[in-house]
Structures are given as C-alpha cells and as structure tokens.
Amino acid sequence: MITDCAECGLPCRAEVCQVCLVRSFVHRDLMSYTEVIEELRERYMCAYCGEPADNKEHVIPRAYVGEHRFTVPSCWECNNLAGSRIFLTFTDKRDHVRRKLERKYKKLLKMPEWDRYELAEMDGNLRQALLDAEEARKLITVRLEFASEFLSLNR
C-alpha cells in the first residue's frame, strides 16, 4: 500500500520514505559516505533507488577484477541496469543508473494526471489500468528522488 510520507509528502510504502530516511542519516549524524552505505546495507535498501535490496552490486564488476569487497546493496533492477561498465567513481555509476531508470520509465513519467472526476467517467478496466499506472509512476518518482538526494550527498 502506498501512502504519503509523514515528513515530506512523497508517496512511499512506509510511514517515512526512503528519501527522508537518508536525509536523517546524513543531517543528524553528519555521516560519511561509507557510513551511509553501511546504514543502507543494514536496512537492506538499494544504494541506487532506496527500494528493498535483494542483491549485492559490485561497484567494480567481477568480470574485471574477480571477487572483491566493494559492494553496495541493490535491487535486482538497479543491479541489472548498472551492468558491467567501469566508472571512475561510485557517484558516476549512480548517475548512470539514475539516467537508465529515467530512460526506462520515460513514458510512464510523462503520462498525464487524471483527476477523480475524469476517472469516474471511465470504464472499469481502463480506470483500473490508469490507477495502476499512476501508482507505478509514484513509485518510480520516489526511486528517482532517492537517487537525486543520494547523489547530492557528496557534491
């Protein structure tokens, strides 16, 4: 179930969204970048989008250096989008994943918003498809907002 965050108003799956959670890590404790990654790892949150992490993403792909320790928690989709390219910094790689997410969901993000009166006039299947698309757009918007907030930590 998606509700609005109690702090910022963004749609989220919990009482407080991923974006506010990362903001509180950094602003409350002035945590280093490494400490933020550790906090995300402990909470099983993707370092790229804030969704639940079910993978380890190798910042330097294993194909180039074998098994190594510099991994970050990631969801399957972000791990897949990150691919096996090499980047100079983790920030560059996060930027790359964010651009890929934006490109992948470009049509969904540009979808017009429908008000409740317009939706009430539509047939059941069409209305449900539009409601589902709106919920998906809210989720991807939060994921991109998380990526933007996390990108700004060290800039």
C-alpha atoms as a PDB file:
ATOM      1  CA  MET A   1       0.000   0.000   0.000  1.00  0.00           C
ATOM      2  CA  ILE A   2       1.351   3.393  -0.937  1.00  0.00           C
ATOM      3  CA  THR A   3       0.770   6.308   1.423  1.00  0.00           C
ATOM      4  CA  ASP A   4       2.236   9.786   1.672  1.00  0.00           C
ATOM      5  CA  CYS A   5       5.367  10.266   3.781  1.00  0.00           C
ATOM      6  CA  ALA A   6       4.635  11.921   7.131  1.00  0.00           C
ATOM      7  CA  GLU A   7       7.644  14.238   6.704  1.00  0.00           C
ATOM      8  CA  CYS A   8       7.885  15.275   3.030  1.00  0.00           C
ATOM      9  CA  GLY A   9       4.601  14.151   1.494  1.00  0.00           C
ATOM     10  CA  LEU A  10       6.199  11.930  -1.181  1.00  0.00           C
ATOM     11  CA  PRO A  11       4.420   8.642  -1.837  1.00  0.00           C
ATOM     12  CA  CYS A  12       6.047   5.717  -0.005  1.00  0.00           C
ATOM     13  CA  ARG A  13       5.449   2.205   1.286  1.00  0.00           C
ATOM     14  CA  ALA A  14       6.299   3.026   4.909  1.00  0.00           C
ATOM     15  CA  GLU A  15       5.457   5.806   7.349  1.00  0.00           C
ATOM     16  CA  VAL A  16       8.668   7.662   6.397  1.00  0.00           C
ATOM     17  CA  CYS A  17      10.020   7.445   2.837  1.00  0.00           C
ATOM     18  CA  GLN A  18      13.495   6.394   1.743  1.00  0.00           C
ATOM     19  CA  VAL A  19      14.441   9.987   0.864  1.00  0.00           C
ATOM     20  CA  CYS A  20      13.719  11.323   4.364  1.00  0.00           C
ATOM     21  CA  LEU A  21      15.495   8.338   5.893  1.00  0.00           C
ATOM     22  CA  VAL A  22      18.736   9.099   4.031  1.00  0.00           C
ATOM     23  CA  ARG A  23      18.388  12.808   4.829  1.00  0.00           C
ATOM     24  CA  SER A  24      18.113  11.931   8.523  1.00  0.00           C
ATOM     25  CA  PHE A  25      21.227   9.688   8.363  1.00  0.00           C
ATOM     26  CA  VAL A  26      23.316  12.449   6.910  1.00  0.00           C
ATOM     27  CA  HIS A  27      21.961  15.540   8.647  1.00  0.00           C
ATOM     28  CA  ARG A  28      21.524  14.008  12.074  1.00  0.00           C
ATOM     29  CA  ASP A  29      24.919  12.393  12.396  1.00  0.00           C
ATOM     30  CA  LEU A  30      26.912  14.008   9.583  1.00  0.00           C
ATOM     31  CA  MET A  31      27.730  10.502   8.427  1.00  0.00           C
ATOM     32  CA  SER A  32      30.438   9.782   5.917  1.00  0.00           C
ATOM     33  CA  TYR A  33      29.569   8.298   2.571  1.00  0.00           C
ATOM     34  CA  THR A  34      30.828   4.871   3.682  1.00  0.00           C
ATOM     35  CA  GLU A  35      28.690   5.033   6.806  1.00  0.00           C
ATOM     36  CA  VAL A  36      25.596   5.829   4.726  1.00  0.00           C
ATOM     37  CA  ILE A  37      26.303   2.748   2.555  1.00  0.00           C
ATOM     38  CA  GLU A  38      26.633   0.652   5.736  1.00  0.00           C
ATOM     39  CA  GLU A  39      23.344   2.033   7.056  1.00  0.00           C
ATOM     40  CA  LEU A  40      21.641   1.148   3.753  1.00  0.00           C
ATOM     41  CA  ARG A  41      23.187  -2.331   3.910  1.00  0.00           C
ATOM     42  CA  GLU A  42      21.825  -2.863   7.450  1.00  0.00           C
ATOM     43  CA  ARG A  43      18.357  -1.757   6.335  1.00  0.00           C
ATOM     44  CA  TYR A  44      18.522  -3.819   3.098  1.00  0.00           C
ATOM     45  CA  MET A  45      17.936  -0.712   0.955  1.00  0.00           C
ATOM     46  CA  CYS A  46      19.195  -0.320  -2.604  1.00  0.00           C
ATOM     47  CA  ALA A  47      22.005   2.262  -2.757  1.00  0.00           C
ATOM     48  CA  TYR A  48      20.703   3.450  -6.122  1.00  0.00           C
ATOM     49  CA  CYS A  49      16.940   3.824  -5.593  1.00  0.00           C
ATOM     50  CA  GLY A  50      16.031   3.019  -1.977  1.00  0.00           C
ATOM     51  CA  GLU A  51      13.862   0.006  -2.787  1.00  0.00           C
ATOM     52  CA  PRO A  52      14.367  -3.218  -0.795  1.00  0.00           C
ATOM     53  CA  ALA A  53      17.761  -4.663  -1.728  1.00  0.00           C
ATOM     54  CA  ASP A  54      17.896  -8.295  -2.768  1.00  0.00           C
ATOM     55  CA  ASN A  55      21.346  -8.222  -4.450  1.00  0.00           C
ATOM     56  CA  LYS A  56      24.928  -7.128  -3.936  1.00  0.00           C
ATOM     57  CA  GLU A  57      26.134  -4.861  -6.707  1.00  0.00           C
ATOM     58  CA  HIS A  58      29.875  -4.965  -7.372  1.00  0.00           C
ATOM     59  CA  VAL A  59      30.898  -1.361  -7.961  1.00  0.00           C
ATOM     60  CA  ILE A  60      33.885  -2.633  -9.949  1.00  0.00           C
ATOM     61  CA  PRO A  61      32.412  -5.547 -11.927  1.00  0.00           C
ATOM     62  CA  ARG A  62      33.672  -9.038 -11.061  1.00  0.00           C
ATOM     63  CA  ALA A  63      34.371  -9.622 -14.750  1.00  0.00           C
ATOM     64  CA  TYR A  64      37.317  -7.195 -14.457  1.00  0.00           C
ATOM     65  CA  VAL A  65      38.824  -7.925 -11.045  1.00  0.00           C
ATOM     66  CA  GLY A  66      37.257 -11.121  -9.749  1.00  0.00           C
ATOM     67  CA  GLU A  67      35.631 -11.197  -6.320  1.00  0.00           C
ATOM     68  CA  HIS A  68      36.294  -8.095  -4.271  1.00  0.00           C
ATOM     69  CA  ARG A  69      34.852  -6.353  -1.257  1.00  0.00           C
ATOM     70  CA  PHE A  70      33.487  -3.094  -2.632  1.00  0.00           C
ATOM     71  CA  THR A  71      29.848  -3.981  -2.986  1.00  0.00           C
ATOM     72  CA  VAL A  72      26.713  -1.993  -2.285  1.00  0.00           C
ATOM     73  CA  PRO A  73      23.206  -3.260  -1.613  1.00  0.00           C
ATOM     74  CA  SER A  74      20.964  -3.054  -4.663  1.00  0.00           C
ATOM     75  CA  CYS A  75      17.649  -4.195  -6.010  1.00  0.00           C
ATOM     76  CA  TRP A  76      17.639  -6.561  -8.979  1.00  0.00           C
ATOM     77  CA  GLU A  77      16.625  -3.845 -11.444  1.00  0.00           C
ATOM     78  CA  CYS A  78      19.373  -1.369 -10.477  1.00  0.00           C
ATOM     79  CA  ASN A  79      21.975  -4.151 -10.388  1.00  0.00           C
ATOM     80  CA  ASN A  80      20.917  -5.119 -13.894  1.00  0.00           C
ATOM     81  CA  LEU A  81      20.936  -1.501 -15.135  1.00  0.00           C
ATOM     82  CA  ALA A  82      24.388  -0.871 -13.643  1.00  0.00           C
ATOM     83  CA  GLY A  83      25.778  -3.543 -15.952  1.00  0.00           C
ATOM     84  CA  SER A  84      29.462  -4.347 -16.239  1.00  0.00           C
ATOM     85  CA  ARG A  85      30.758  -0.924 -17.233  1.00  0.00           C
ATOM     86  CA  ILE A  86      33.605   0.599 -15.248  1.00  0.00           C
ATOM     87  CA  PHE A  87      33.205   4.099 -13.819  1.00  0.00           C
ATOM     88  CA  LEU A  88      35.782   6.330 -12.173  1.00  0.00           C
ATOM     89  CA  THR A  89      33.665   6.820  -9.053  1.00  0.00           C
ATOM     90  CA  PHE A  90      30.633   5.329  -7.373  1.00  0.00           C
ATOM     91  CA  THR A  91      28.901   8.687  -7.915  1.00  0.00           C
ATOM     92  CA  ASP A  92      29.364   8.303 -11.675  1.00  0.00           C
ATOM     93  CA  LYS A  93      27.854   4.828 -11.512  1.00  0.00           C
ATOM     94  CA  ARG A  94      24.847   6.074  -9.502  1.00  0.00           C
ATOM     95  CA  ASP A  95      24.361   8.835 -12.060  1.00  0.00           C
ATOM     96  CA  HIS A  96      24.422   6.226 -14.830  1.00  0.00           C
ATOM     97  CA  VAL A  97      21.818   4.031 -13.080  1.00  0.00           C
ATOM     98  CA  ARG A  98      19.557   7.040 -12.451  1.00  0.00           C
ATOM     99  CA  ARG A  99      19.689   8.070 -16.124  1.00  0.00           C
ATOM    100  CA  LYS A 100      18.873   4.494 -17.150  1.00  0.00           C
ATOM    101  CA  LEU A 101      15.888   4.421 -14.781  1.00  0.00           C
ATOM    102  CA  GLU A 102      14.652   7.743 -16.197  1.00  0.00           C
ATOM    103  CA  ARG A 103      15.028   6.457 -19.748  1.00  0.00           C
ATOM    104  CA  LYS A 104      13.326   3.141 -18.965  1.00  0.00           C
ATOM    105  CA  TYR A 105      10.291   4.826 -17.378  1.00  0.00           C
ATOM    106  CA  LYS A 106      10.169   7.894 -19.636  1.00  0.00           C
ATOM    107  CA  LYS A 107       6.653   7.205 -20.982  1.00  0.00           C
ATOM    108  CA  LEU A 108       5.282   6.423 -17.549  1.00  0.00           C
ATOM    109  CA  LEU A 109       6.733   9.636 -16.104  1.00  0.00           C
ATOM    110  CA  LYS A 110       5.210  11.720 -18.915  1.00  0.00           C
ATOM    111  CA  MET A 111       1.763  10.167 -18.548  1.00  0.00           C
ATOM    112  CA  PRO A 112      -0.889  12.840 -17.892  1.00  0.00           C
ATOM    113  CA  GLU A 113      -2.513  13.002 -14.475  1.00  0.00           C
ATOM    114  CA  TRP A 114      -6.212  12.197 -14.314  1.00  0.00           C
ATOM    115  CA  ASP A 115      -8.453  13.745 -11.701  1.00  0.00           C
ATOM    116  CA  ARG A 116     -11.041  11.688  -9.852  1.00  0.00           C
ATOM    117  CA  TYR A 117     -13.923  13.094 -11.946  1.00  0.00           C
ATOM    118  CA  GLU A 118     -12.296  12.009 -15.204  1.00  0.00           C
ATOM    119  CA  LEU A 119     -11.552   8.581 -13.749  1.00  0.00           C
ATOM    120  CA  ALA A 120     -15.150   8.207 -12.557  1.00  0.00           C
ATOM    121  CA  GLU A 121     -16.375   8.575 -16.150  1.00  0.00           C
ATOM    122  CA  MET A 122     -14.168   5.748 -17.439  1.00  0.00           C
ATOM    123  CA  ASP A 123     -14.952   2.075 -17.797  1.00  0.00           C
ATOM    124  CA  GLY A 124     -13.735  -0.308 -15.069  1.00  0.00           C
ATOM    125  CA  ASN A 125     -10.780  -1.852 -16.923  1.00  0.00           C
ATOM    126  CA  LEU A 126      -9.496   1.443 -18.311  1.00  0.00           C
ATOM    127  CA  ARG A 127      -9.913   3.158 -14.946  1.00  0.00           C
ATOM    128  CA  GLN A 128      -8.029   0.352 -13.180  1.00  0.00           C
ATOM    129  CA  ALA A 129      -5.206   0.445 -15.748  1.00  0.00           C
ATOM    130  CA  LEU A 130      -4.831   4.204 -15.216  1.00  0.00           C
ATOM    131  CA  LEU A 131      -4.883   3.829 -11.425  1.00  0.00           C
ATOM    132  CA  ASP A 132      -2.211   1.126 -11.648  1.00  0.00           C
ATOM    133  CA  ALA A 133      -0.078   3.311 -13.927  1.00  0.00           C
ATOM    134  CA  GLU A 134      -0.438   6.245 -11.514  1.00  0.00           C
ATOM    135  CA  GLU A 135       0.735   4.083  -8.608  1.00  0.00           C
ATOM    136  CA  ALA A 136       3.705   2.863 -10.658  1.00  0.00           C
ATOM    137  CA  ARG A 137       4.577   6.459 -11.557  1.00  0.00           C
ATOM    138  CA  LYS A 138       4.528   7.441  -7.882  1.00  0.00           C
ATOM    139  CA  LEU A 139       6.919   4.599  -7.055  1.00  0.00           C
ATOM    140  CA  ILE A 140       9.396   5.454  -9.807  1.00  0.00           C
ATOM    141  CA  THR A 141       9.221   9.131  -8.821  1.00  0.00           C
ATOM    142  CA  VAL A 142      10.243   8.209  -5.265  1.00  0.00           C
ATOM    143  CA  ARG A 143      13.050   5.996  -6.568  1.00  0.00           C
ATOM    144  CA  LEU A 144      14.387   8.831  -8.723  1.00  0.00           C
ATOM    145  CA  GLU A 145      14.033  11.297  -5.838  1.00  0.00           C
ATOM    146  CA  PHE A 146      16.044   8.937  -3.627  1.00  0.00           C
ATOM    147  CA  ALA A 147      18.748   8.735  -6.278  1.00  0.00           C
ATOM    148  CA  SER A 148      18.835  12.535  -6.563  1.00  0.00           C
ATOM    149  CA  GLU A 149      19.051  13.005  -2.789  1.00  0.00           C
ATOM    150  CA  PHE A 150      21.783  10.407  -2.508  1.00  0.00           C
ATOM    151  CA  LEU A 151      23.651  11.965  -5.437  1.00  0.00           C
ATOM    152  CA  SER A 152      23.709  15.313  -3.652  1.00  0.00           C
ATOM    153  CA  LEU A 153      25.402  13.904  -0.537  1.00  0.00           C
ATOM    154  CA  ASN A 154      28.913  14.426  -1.784  1.00  0.00           C
ATOM    155  CA  ARG A 155      28.504  17.337  -4.185  1.00  0.00           C
END
